Amino acid sequence: MHVNGQSQAEVETNFSGTLGLGDFVVGERKDPLAPPAGFMEWRRKEIAWAASLYEPDMLGAADARTTIQYEGKPKPVINLCSYNYLGLANHPEVIAAATEALHKYGVGACGSPMLSGMTDLHRQLERTMADFLGREDAMLFNSGFGGALGTISGLLRKNDVATLDNRSHLSLRDGAVLSRCRLDRFEHNDPASLDAALSRRQGRSRLVIIEGIYSMEGDFARMEDLIRVAESHQASIFIDEAHSMLACGENGRGAAEIFGVEDRIPLVYGTFSKAFGALGGFVAGARSTIDYLRLYAHSYAYSCALPPVVVGAILKVLEVATREPQRRERLWENASYFRSQLNGLGIDTGESATYIMPLVVGDRDRMCRLGHELRRRGLWVAPVDYPAVPEDRICFRACVTADHTRADLDEALNIVSDTFAPAELQHASV
């Protein structure tokens, strides 16, 4: 493998790992279109080898096994990168429903929902999601990130307070910043820290923002404890069920269903890009809240509506997932097996209790070396660097799906055992 004319050995030798993305967030410059000083040299020389792990070209569908472009050639891999948790992205009935919608409505909505982008299919999905979640109303977004950002920024105002878990997704944090409200954070999943944060803002309108499953840690929110604290301060509660919707709970209504707290959370957000295997997001709650958001969530009012072809697919996904609860059962069986086997190999999976598992390395250089070796051997896991995670928690993120067979998981574990685990043991003995 050659990167910018250098051999792989030369690139590995030059890769120091002393700088990271966080070092180029700010910097003095005369031209706002120019990156901070040193960024391009760092990008070309120091991290070309590391950067080649990101944005790989996928040459097939997001299945349990797929093919990616690696070192200039097609590479068959076990796919532990995908959010296709229930394996429904390529279900024959889903493809057929998308094809039917494509023939009827064409490719794009070609307008914002407020003006010309709304179809009867969109309205059907809104009603279906509201009924599914037992809410009065729901609205759709064309992006998961944009929907979370639009919901938070559309609801909160300058004198309000957003109180977020310090591991909250960037879309939620950006939404709070965009709203210009006061922003407080509490330590991850720590009720005492939440109580202290809310105590500092007595007398203000406060929104506590939590997630069903945290996307990097793979752990659940401590629902009962956090909600009890929020209620004691008369603070409203918002939950982002992006990674938990359709894959968690007896009926698939998310982490709040598992913990029996749905009726204590007035507003729920979710995405269609995870277990739904599609694209976009939604928010569901009281009709008055949703009516307000339709006018004040800018990413809804000023952005093109979801393509009808995607809406048609999502409706069918919900039907299939409801009809086949065994998909969720298989997902959780696979997750439990894979995590227990990883832990048996001495791999640190943090607080993960779900199908999302960090494989903690804690060092950027070693992560990149291991990442290439895993990929060469046919295992595709996602490298996660600072600032997405703390520097001492730099890791790979593995996502197990319902479609992974035991043979897939065992082969993946063998690859991890042959590469990751020995490196960990060697590092620990130094």
Protein backbone atom coordinates (compact mmCIF):
# COMPACT_ATOMS: atom_id res chain seq x y z
CA MET A 1 0.00 0.00 0.00
CA HIS A 2 1.26 3.49 -0.90
CA VAL A 3 -0.05 6.81 0.42
CA ASN A 4 1.07 10.03 -1.29
CA GLY A 5 4.06 8.24 -2.78
CA GLN A 6 5.19 6.74 0.52
CA SER A 7 5.27 3.05 1.30
CA GLN A 8 3.06 1.76 4.09
CA ALA A 9 6.11 1.21 6.31
CA GLU A 10 7.25 4.81 5.74
CA VAL A 11 3.78 6.16 6.51
CA GLU A 12 3.52 4.10 9.70
CA THR A 13 6.94 5.33 10.80
CA ASN A 14 6.00 8.97 10.16
CA PHE A 15 2.65 8.68 11.93
CA SER A 16 3.27 10.20 15.31
CA GLY A 17 -0.29 10.58 16.54
CA THR A 18 0.76 13.71 18.46
CA LEU A 19 -1.94 15.87 16.88
CA GLY A 20 -5.63 15.14 16.40
CA LEU A 21 -8.82 16.72 15.09
CA GLY A 22 -9.26 18.71 18.27
CA ASP A 23 -6.05 20.62 17.57
CA PHE A 24 -7.46 22.27 14.46
CA VAL A 25 -10.86 23.41 15.67
CA VAL A 26 -9.55 26.95 16.19
CA GLY A 27 -6.51 28.79 14.94
CA GLU A 28 -5.38 32.21 13.75
CA ARG A 29 -5.95 32.85 10.03
CA LYS A 30 -6.66 35.75 7.72
CA ASP A 31 -8.95 33.87 5.35
CA PRO A 32 -12.04 32.24 6.93
CA LEU A 33 -12.07 29.71 4.05
CA ALA A 34 -8.55 28.55 4.84
CA PRO A 35 -7.96 25.78 7.42
CA PRO A 36 -5.85 26.65 10.47
CA ALA A 37 -2.09 26.70 9.98
CA GLY A 38 -0.54 23.28 9.69
CA PHE A 39 -3.78 21.43 8.94
CA MET A 40 -3.05 20.53 5.32
CA GLU A 41 0.51 19.38 6.08
CA TRP A 42 -0.83 17.27 8.96
CA ARG A 43 -3.54 15.89 6.67
CA ARG A 44 -1.08 14.99 3.91
CA LYS A 45 1.91 13.75 5.86
CA GLU A 46 0.95 12.69 9.36
CA ILE A 47 -2.48 11.11 9.04
CA ALA A 48 -2.85 10.00 5.43
CA TRP A 49 -2.49 6.41 6.54
CA ALA A 50 -4.91 6.87 9.43
CA ALA A 51 -7.38 8.84 7.31
CA SER A 52 -7.55 6.00 4.79
CA LEU A 53 -9.56 4.06 7.39
CA TYR A 54 -12.37 6.60 7.05
CA GLU A 55 -14.91 7.11 4.25
CA PRO A 56 -14.27 3.73 2.57
CA ASP A 57 -16.24 3.06 -0.59
CA MET A 58 -18.83 0.36 0.06
CA LEU A 59 -19.30 -1.76 -3.05
CA GLY A 60 -22.40 -3.58 -1.85
CA ALA A 61 -25.39 -3.25 0.45
CA ALA A 62 -25.22 -2.64 4.21
CA ASP A 63 -25.53 -6.35 4.96
CA ALA A 64 -23.85 -8.49 7.62
CA ARG A 65 -21.22 -9.29 5.03
CA THR A 66 -20.41 -6.78 2.32
CA THR A 67 -17.55 -5.56 0.14
CA ILE A 68 -15.54 -2.36 0.51
CA GLN A 69 -12.74 -0.78 -1.47
CA TYR A 70 -9.49 -1.28 0.43
CA GLU A 71 -5.91 -0.80 -0.78
CA GLY A 72 -7.26 -0.23 -4.28
CA LYS A 73 -9.12 -3.55 -4.46
CA PRO A 74 -12.53 -4.94 -3.52
CA LYS A 75 -12.31 -6.46 -0.05
CA PRO A 76 -15.03 -8.80 1.33
CA VAL A 77 -15.58 -7.98 5.01
CA ILE A 78 -17.73 -8.91 7.97
CA ASN A 79 -19.64 -5.69 8.48
CA LEU A 80 -19.68 -4.51 12.10
CA CYS A 81 -20.08 -0.86 11.08
CA SER A 82 -23.72 -0.77 9.99
CA TYR A 83 -26.75 0.67 11.80
CA ASN A 84 -28.95 -1.82 9.91
CA TYR A 85 -29.76 -3.38 13.28
CA LEU A 86 -32.78 -5.44 12.21
CA GLY A 87 -31.48 -6.27 8.75
CA LEU A 88 -34.43 -4.58 7.05
CA ALA A 89 -32.63 -2.18 4.71
CA ASN A 90 -32.76 -4.74 1.91
CA HIS A 91 -35.81 -6.78 2.86
CA PRO A 92 -37.69 -7.80 -0.33
CA GLU A 93 -40.98 -6.32 0.88
CA VAL A 94 -39.24 -3.06 1.74
CA ILE A 95 -37.62 -2.87 -1.68
CA ALA A 96 -40.99 -3.58 -3.31
CA ALA A 97 -42.71 -0.83 -1.29
CA ALA A 98 -39.95 1.63 -2.21
CA THR A 99 -40.25 0.67 -5.86
CA GLU A 100 -44.02 1.22 -5.80
CA ALA A 101 -43.56 4.67 -4.23
CA LEU A 102 -40.83 5.49 -6.74
CA HIS A 103 -43.10 4.72 -9.68
CA LYS A 104 -45.98 6.75 -8.24
CA TYR A 105 -44.18 9.81 -6.81
CA GLY A 106 -40.80 9.89 -8.56
CA VAL A 107 -37.43 10.33 -6.88
CA GLY A 108 -37.67 13.52 -4.83
CA ALA A 109 -40.33 15.51 -2.98
CA CYS A 110 -39.03 18.65 -4.75
CA GLY A 111 -40.24 21.06 -2.10
CA SER A 112 -40.31 21.80 1.61
CA PRO A 113 -43.13 20.22 3.64
CA MET A 114 -44.57 23.69 4.24
CA LEU A 115 -45.02 24.44 0.55
CA SER A 116 -45.09 21.54 -1.89
CA GLY A 117 -43.11 18.59 -0.53
CA MET A 118 -45.81 16.90 1.57
CA THR A 119 -47.61 13.91 0.06
CA ASP A 120 -50.39 11.67 1.35
CA LEU A 121 -47.63 9.12 2.00
CA HIS A 122 -45.87 11.53 4.35
CA ARG A 123 -49.14 12.13 6.20
CA GLN A 124 -49.66 8.39 6.50
CA LEU A 125 -46.22 7.95 8.06
CA GLU A 126 -46.85 10.81 10.51
CA ARG A 127 -50.10 9.22 11.67
CA THR A 128 -48.54 5.76 11.80
CA MET A 129 -45.59 6.89 13.93
CA ALA A 130 -47.85 8.86 16.29
CA ASP A 131 -50.12 5.82 16.74
CA PHE A 132 -47.15 3.47 17.12
CA LEU A 133 -45.74 5.58 19.95
CA GLY A 134 -49.08 6.46 21.53
CA ARG A 135 -48.63 10.17 20.89
CA GLU A 136 -51.02 12.80 19.57
CA ASP A 137 -48.94 13.79 16.56
CA ALA A 138 -45.61 13.37 14.79
CA MET A 139 -43.61 15.22 12.16
CA LEU A 140 -40.87 14.07 9.79
CA PHE A 141 -37.39 15.39 9.02
CA ASN A 142 -35.20 14.61 6.02
CA SER A 143 -32.14 14.12 8.25
CA GLY A 144 -31.54 12.55 11.62
CA PHE A 145 -28.95 15.14 12.59
CA GLY A 146 -31.00 18.01 11.15
CA GLY A 147 -34.14 16.83 12.87
CA ALA A 148 -32.57 16.72 16.32
CA LEU A 149 -30.92 20.09 15.73
CA GLY A 150 -34.19 21.59 14.44
CA THR A 151 -36.28 20.23 17.29
CA ILE A 152 -34.04 21.56 20.06
CA SER A 153 -33.35 24.92 18.40
CA GLY A 154 -37.02 25.29 17.47
CA LEU A 155 -38.27 24.71 21.00
CA LEU A 156 -35.77 26.55 23.20
CA ARG A 157 -35.29 30.29 23.56
CA LYS A 158 -32.70 32.61 25.10
CA ASN A 159 -34.11 32.47 28.63
CA ASP A 160 -34.57 28.69 28.62
CA VAL A 161 -32.04 26.16 29.91
CA ALA A 162 -30.95 23.00 28.11
CA THR A 163 -29.45 20.45 30.49
CA LEU A 164 -27.60 17.73 28.57
CA ASP A 165 -25.65 14.62 29.43
CA ASN A 166 -22.00 15.36 28.65
CA ARG A 167 -21.98 12.46 26.17
CA SER A 168 -24.95 13.87 24.25
CA HIS A 169 -24.85 13.64 20.46
CA LEU A 170 -23.47 16.68 18.66
CA SER A 171 -26.83 17.33 16.96
CA LEU A 172 -28.43 17.92 20.36
CA ARG A 173 -25.62 20.15 21.57
CA ASP A 174 -25.61 22.12 18.32
CA GLY A 175 -29.37 22.56 18.58
CA ALA A 176 -29.01 24.05 22.05
CA VAL A 177 -26.22 26.37 20.90
CA LEU A 178 -28.26 27.47 17.88
CA SER A 179 -31.23 28.29 20.11
CA ARG A 180 -28.99 30.65 22.13
CA CYS A 181 -30.42 29.22 25.34
CA ARG A 182 -28.37 28.63 28.45
CA LEU A 183 -26.62 25.28 28.22
CA ASP A 184 -25.65 23.14 31.21
CA ARG A 185 -24.14 19.69 31.21
CA PHE A 186 -24.17 16.90 33.75
CA GLU A 187 -21.78 13.99 34.12
CA HIS A 188 -22.70 11.01 32.02
CA ASN A 189 -25.66 9.12 33.49
CA ASP A 190 -25.09 10.74 36.90
CA PRO A 191 -28.34 11.69 38.72
CA ALA A 192 -26.45 13.63 41.42
CA SER A 193 -24.71 15.70 38.77
CA LEU A 194 -28.06 16.36 37.05
CA ASP A 195 -29.56 17.42 40.36
CA ALA A 196 -26.73 19.87 40.93
CA ALA A 197 -27.08 21.31 37.42
CA LEU A 198 -30.84 21.81 37.78
CA SER A 199 -30.43 23.30 41.26
CA ARG A 200 -28.31 26.09 39.77
CA ARG A 201 -31.16 27.16 37.48
CA GLN A 202 -34.13 27.36 39.79
CA GLY A 203 -37.01 29.43 38.46
CA ARG A 204 -36.15 28.96 34.79
CA SER A 205 -37.78 26.93 32.05
CA ARG A 206 -35.58 23.81 31.81
CA LEU A 207 -35.36 20.90 29.39
CA VAL A 208 -33.44 17.77 30.37
CA ILE A 209 -32.10 15.99 27.28
CA ILE A 210 -31.17 12.31 27.44
CA GLU A 211 -30.68 9.49 24.94
CA GLY A 212 -32.13 6.00 24.97
CA ILE A 213 -28.81 4.45 23.95
CA TYR A 214 -25.61 6.48 23.81
CA SER A 215 -24.08 5.97 20.40
CA MET A 216 -20.42 5.69 21.41
CA GLU A 217 -20.71 3.99 24.80
CA GLY A 218 -23.53 1.61 23.87
CA ASP A 219 -25.13 2.02 27.30
CA PHE A 220 -28.69 2.91 28.28
CA ALA A 221 -29.64 6.12 30.01
CA ARG A 222 -30.40 5.58 33.69
CA MET A 223 -34.02 6.38 32.94
CA GLU A 224 -35.74 6.03 36.28
CA ASP A 225 -33.07 7.87 38.28
CA LEU A 226 -32.65 10.74 35.81
CA ILE A 227 -36.38 11.22 35.26
CA ARG A 228 -37.02 11.24 38.99
CA VAL A 229 -34.48 14.04 39.43
CA ALA A 230 -35.93 16.03 36.52
CA GLU A 231 -39.44 15.67 37.92
CA SER A 232 -38.32 16.83 41.35
CA HIS A 233 -37.22 20.09 39.72
CA GLN A 234 -40.32 20.39 37.50
CA ALA A 235 -38.08 20.18 34.42
CA SER A 236 -39.41 18.87 31.12
CA ILE A 237 -37.80 15.80 29.55
CA PHE A 238 -36.79 15.06 25.96
CA ILE A 239 -35.43 11.70 24.82
CA ASP A 240 -33.47 10.93 21.67
CA GLU A 241 -34.19 7.30 20.77
CA ALA A 242 -32.11 7.32 17.57
CA HIS A 243 -30.26 4.05 18.26
CA SER A 244 -32.99 2.41 20.32
CA MET A 245 -36.14 3.00 18.28
CA LEU A 246 -37.59 -0.17 16.70
CA ALA A 247 -34.76 -2.29 18.15
CA CYS A 248 -35.63 -1.98 21.86
CA GLY A 249 -38.69 -2.93 23.85
CA GLU A 250 -41.31 -5.62 23.47
CA ASN A 251 -43.01 -3.61 20.73
CA GLY A 252 -39.94 -1.77 19.47
CA ARG A 253 -40.86 1.61 20.95
CA GLY A 254 -37.37 2.20 22.26
CA ALA A 255 -35.48 2.29 25.53
CA ALA A 256 -38.29 4.17 27.29
CA GLU A 257 -40.52 1.16 26.66
CA ILE A 258 -37.95 -1.20 28.19
CA PHE A 259 -37.81 0.86 31.39
CA GLY A 260 -41.56 1.53 31.52
CA VAL A 261 -41.27 5.34 31.49
CA GLU A 262 -42.91 6.30 28.18
CA ASP A 263 -45.75 8.20 29.87
CA ARG A 264 -43.25 10.32 31.82
CA ILE A 265 -41.43 11.61 28.72
CA PRO A 266 -43.58 14.09 26.79
CA LEU A 267 -41.41 14.40 23.68
CA VAL A 268 -39.58 11.61 21.85
CA TYR A 269 -37.19 11.94 18.95
CA GLY A 270 -35.98 9.14 16.71
CA THR A 271 -34.33 8.46 13.38
CA PHE A 272 -35.11 6.29 10.38
CA SER A 273 -31.44 5.72 9.57
CA LYS A 274 -30.73 3.07 12.21
CA ALA A 275 -33.05 0.10 12.79
CA PHE A 276 -35.42 1.40 10.09
CA GLY A 277 -32.57 1.04 7.60
CA ALA A 278 -33.53 4.21 5.72
CA LEU A 279 -33.06 7.97 6.15
CA GLY A 280 -34.44 10.88 8.14
CA GLY A 281 -35.91 11.53 11.56
CA PHE A 282 -39.14 12.23 13.41
CA VAL A 283 -40.40 13.81 16.59
CA ALA A 284 -43.60 12.77 18.36
CA GLY A 285 -45.51 14.32 21.21
CA ALA A 286 -48.41 16.60 22.06
CA ARG A 287 -50.19 18.10 19.07
CA SER A 288 -49.58 21.64 20.37
CA THR A 289 -45.81 20.99 20.55
CA ILE A 290 -45.68 19.50 17.06
CA ASP A 291 -47.78 22.31 15.58
CA TYR A 292 -45.36 24.83 17.04
CA LEU A 293 -42.33 22.95 15.73
CA ARG A 294 -43.71 22.81 12.18
CA LEU A 295 -43.30 26.59 12.07
CA TYR A 296 -40.16 27.07 14.17
CA ALA A 297 -37.95 24.06 13.39
CA HIS A 298 -35.97 25.58 10.54
CA SER A 299 -34.55 22.28 9.31
CA TYR A 300 -38.16 21.23 8.69
CA ALA A 301 -39.72 24.38 7.25
CA TYR A 302 -36.77 25.40 5.07
CA SER A 303 -35.57 22.04 3.81
CA CYS A 304 -36.85 19.64 1.18
CA ALA A 305 -39.12 16.91 2.50
CA LEU A 306 -38.08 13.26 2.70
CA PRO A 307 -38.18 11.56 -0.72
CA PRO A 308 -41.48 9.64 -1.04
CA VAL A 309 -39.54 6.55 -2.09
CA VAL A 310 -37.93 6.54 1.37
CA VAL A 311 -41.26 7.18 3.10
CA GLY A 312 -42.80 4.19 1.35
CA ALA A 313 -39.92 2.00 2.48
CA ILE A 314 -40.16 3.19 6.09
CA LEU A 315 -43.85 2.36 6.30
CA LYS A 316 -43.13 -1.18 5.17
CA VAL A 317 -40.18 -1.53 7.58
CA LEU A 318 -42.46 -0.67 10.50
CA GLU A 319 -44.98 -3.25 9.31
CA VAL A 320 -42.36 -6.00 8.97
CA ALA A 321 -40.65 -5.19 12.28
CA THR A 322 -44.00 -5.27 14.10
CA ARG A 323 -44.91 -8.56 12.46
CA GLU A 324 -41.53 -10.19 13.13
CA PRO A 325 -40.48 -9.49 16.75
CA GLN A 326 -38.02 -12.38 16.44
CA ARG A 327 -35.70 -9.97 14.65
CA ARG A 328 -35.29 -7.99 17.87
CA GLU A 329 -34.83 -11.20 19.82
CA ARG A 330 -32.08 -12.34 17.45
CA LEU A 331 -30.40 -8.93 17.63
CA TRP A 332 -30.19 -9.07 21.42
CA GLU A 333 -29.03 -12.69 21.43
CA ASN A 334 -26.24 -11.78 19.01
CA ALA A 335 -25.28 -8.73 21.06
CA SER A 336 -25.11 -10.67 24.33
CA TYR A 337 -23.02 -13.43 22.78
CA PHE A 338 -20.57 -11.11 21.03
CA ARG A 339 -20.04 -8.88 24.07
CA SER A 340 -19.46 -11.79 26.43
CA GLN A 341 -16.93 -13.31 24.03
CA LEU A 342 -15.11 -9.98 23.63
CA ASN A 343 -14.92 -9.58 27.39
CA GLY A 344 -13.59 -13.12 27.60
CA LEU A 345 -10.74 -12.03 25.32
CA GLY A 346 -9.94 -9.19 27.71
CA ILE A 347 -11.37 -6.50 25.44
CA ASP A 348 -12.65 -3.42 27.26
CA THR A 349 -16.23 -2.76 26.05
CA GLY A 350 -16.88 -0.08 28.64
CA GLU A 351 -20.43 0.15 29.98
CA SER A 352 -22.02 -1.28 26.85
CA ALA A 353 -25.23 -3.19 27.51
CA THR A 354 -26.54 -3.17 23.94
CA TYR A 355 -25.70 -4.07 20.35
CA ILE A 356 -23.30 -1.10 20.19
CA MET A 357 -19.91 -1.93 21.68
CA PRO A 358 -16.74 0.13 21.96
CA LEU A 359 -13.53 -1.87 21.68
CA VAL A 360 -11.40 0.50 23.69
CA VAL A 361 -7.78 1.03 22.61
CA GLY A 362 -7.03 4.38 24.24
CA ASP A 363 -4.25 5.31 21.81
CA ARG A 364 -4.63 6.78 18.31
CA ASP A 365 -1.48 5.27 16.85
CA ARG A 366 -2.31 1.75 17.99
CA MET A 367 -5.92 2.12 16.87
CA CYS A 368 -4.84 2.95 13.34
CA ARG A 369 -2.34 0.09 13.17
CA LEU A 370 -4.93 -2.34 14.48
CA GLY A 371 -7.59 -0.88 12.20
CA HIS A 372 -5.61 -1.66 9.07
CA GLU A 373 -4.76 -5.15 10.27
CA LEU A 374 -8.39 -5.93 11.08
CA ARG A 375 -9.46 -4.67 7.68
CA ARG A 376 -6.81 -6.69 5.86
CA ARG A 377 -8.13 -9.79 7.61
CA GLY A 378 -11.71 -9.03 6.58
CA LEU A 379 -13.25 -7.34 9.63
CA TRP A 380 -14.79 -3.90 9.25
CA VAL A 381 -15.22 -1.96 12.50
CA ALA A 382 -15.48 1.80 12.86
CA PRO A 383 -12.45 3.73 14.20
CA VAL A 384 -13.59 6.41 16.65
CA ASP A 385 -11.13 9.17 17.52
CA TYR A 386 -11.08 12.17 19.84
CA PRO A 387 -13.08 14.46 20.11
CA ALA A 388 -15.93 12.01 19.37
CA VAL A 389 -14.73 10.14 22.48
CA PRO A 390 -12.29 11.12 25.26
CA GLU A 391 -8.65 10.66 24.28
CA ASP A 392 -8.17 7.81 26.73
CA ARG A 393 -11.24 6.05 25.27
CA ILE A 394 -10.22 6.08 21.59
CA CYS A 395 -11.75 2.91 20.25
CA PHE A 396 -13.36 0.88 17.54
CA ARG A 397 -17.13 0.79 17.55
CA ALA A 398 -18.75 -2.53 16.67
CA CYS A 399 -22.44 -2.74 15.81
CA VAL A 400 -24.02 -6.18 15.86
CA THR A 401 -27.18 -6.82 13.82
CA ALA A 402 -29.95 -9.39 13.71
CA ASP A 403 -28.61 -10.66 10.39
CA HIS A 404 -25.21 -11.69 11.71
CA THR A 405 -24.97 -15.45 11.98
CA ARG A 406 -23.09 -17.19 14.77
CA ALA A 407 -20.48 -18.09 12.12
CA ASP A 408 -20.08 -14.38 11.25
CA LEU A 409 -19.57 -13.46 14.89
CA ASP A 410 -17.19 -16.32 15.59
CA GLU A 411 -15.06 -15.42 12.58
CA ALA A 412 -15.00 -11.80 13.72
CA LEU A 413 -13.96 -12.90 17.21
CA ASN A 414 -11.16 -15.03 15.79
CA ILE A 415 -9.85 -12.04 13.86
CA VAL A 416 -10.04 -9.85 16.96
CA SER A 417 -8.27 -12.53 18.99
CA ASP A 418 -5.46 -12.81 16.44
CA THR A 419 -4.91 -9.03 16.14
CA PHE A 420 -6.49 -6.78 18.74
CA ALA A 421 -6.10 -8.93 21.82
CA PRO A 422 -2.37 -9.73 21.41
CA ALA A 423 -1.67 -6.04 20.88
CA GLU A 424 -3.58 -5.21 24.04
CA LEU A 425 -1.65 -7.77 26.04
CA GLN A 426 1.66 -6.57 24.66
CA HIS A 427 0.77 -2.95 25.49
CA ALA A 428 -0.25 -3.92 29.02
CA SER A 429 3.06 -5.66 29.69
CA VAL A 430 5.20 -2.67 28.69
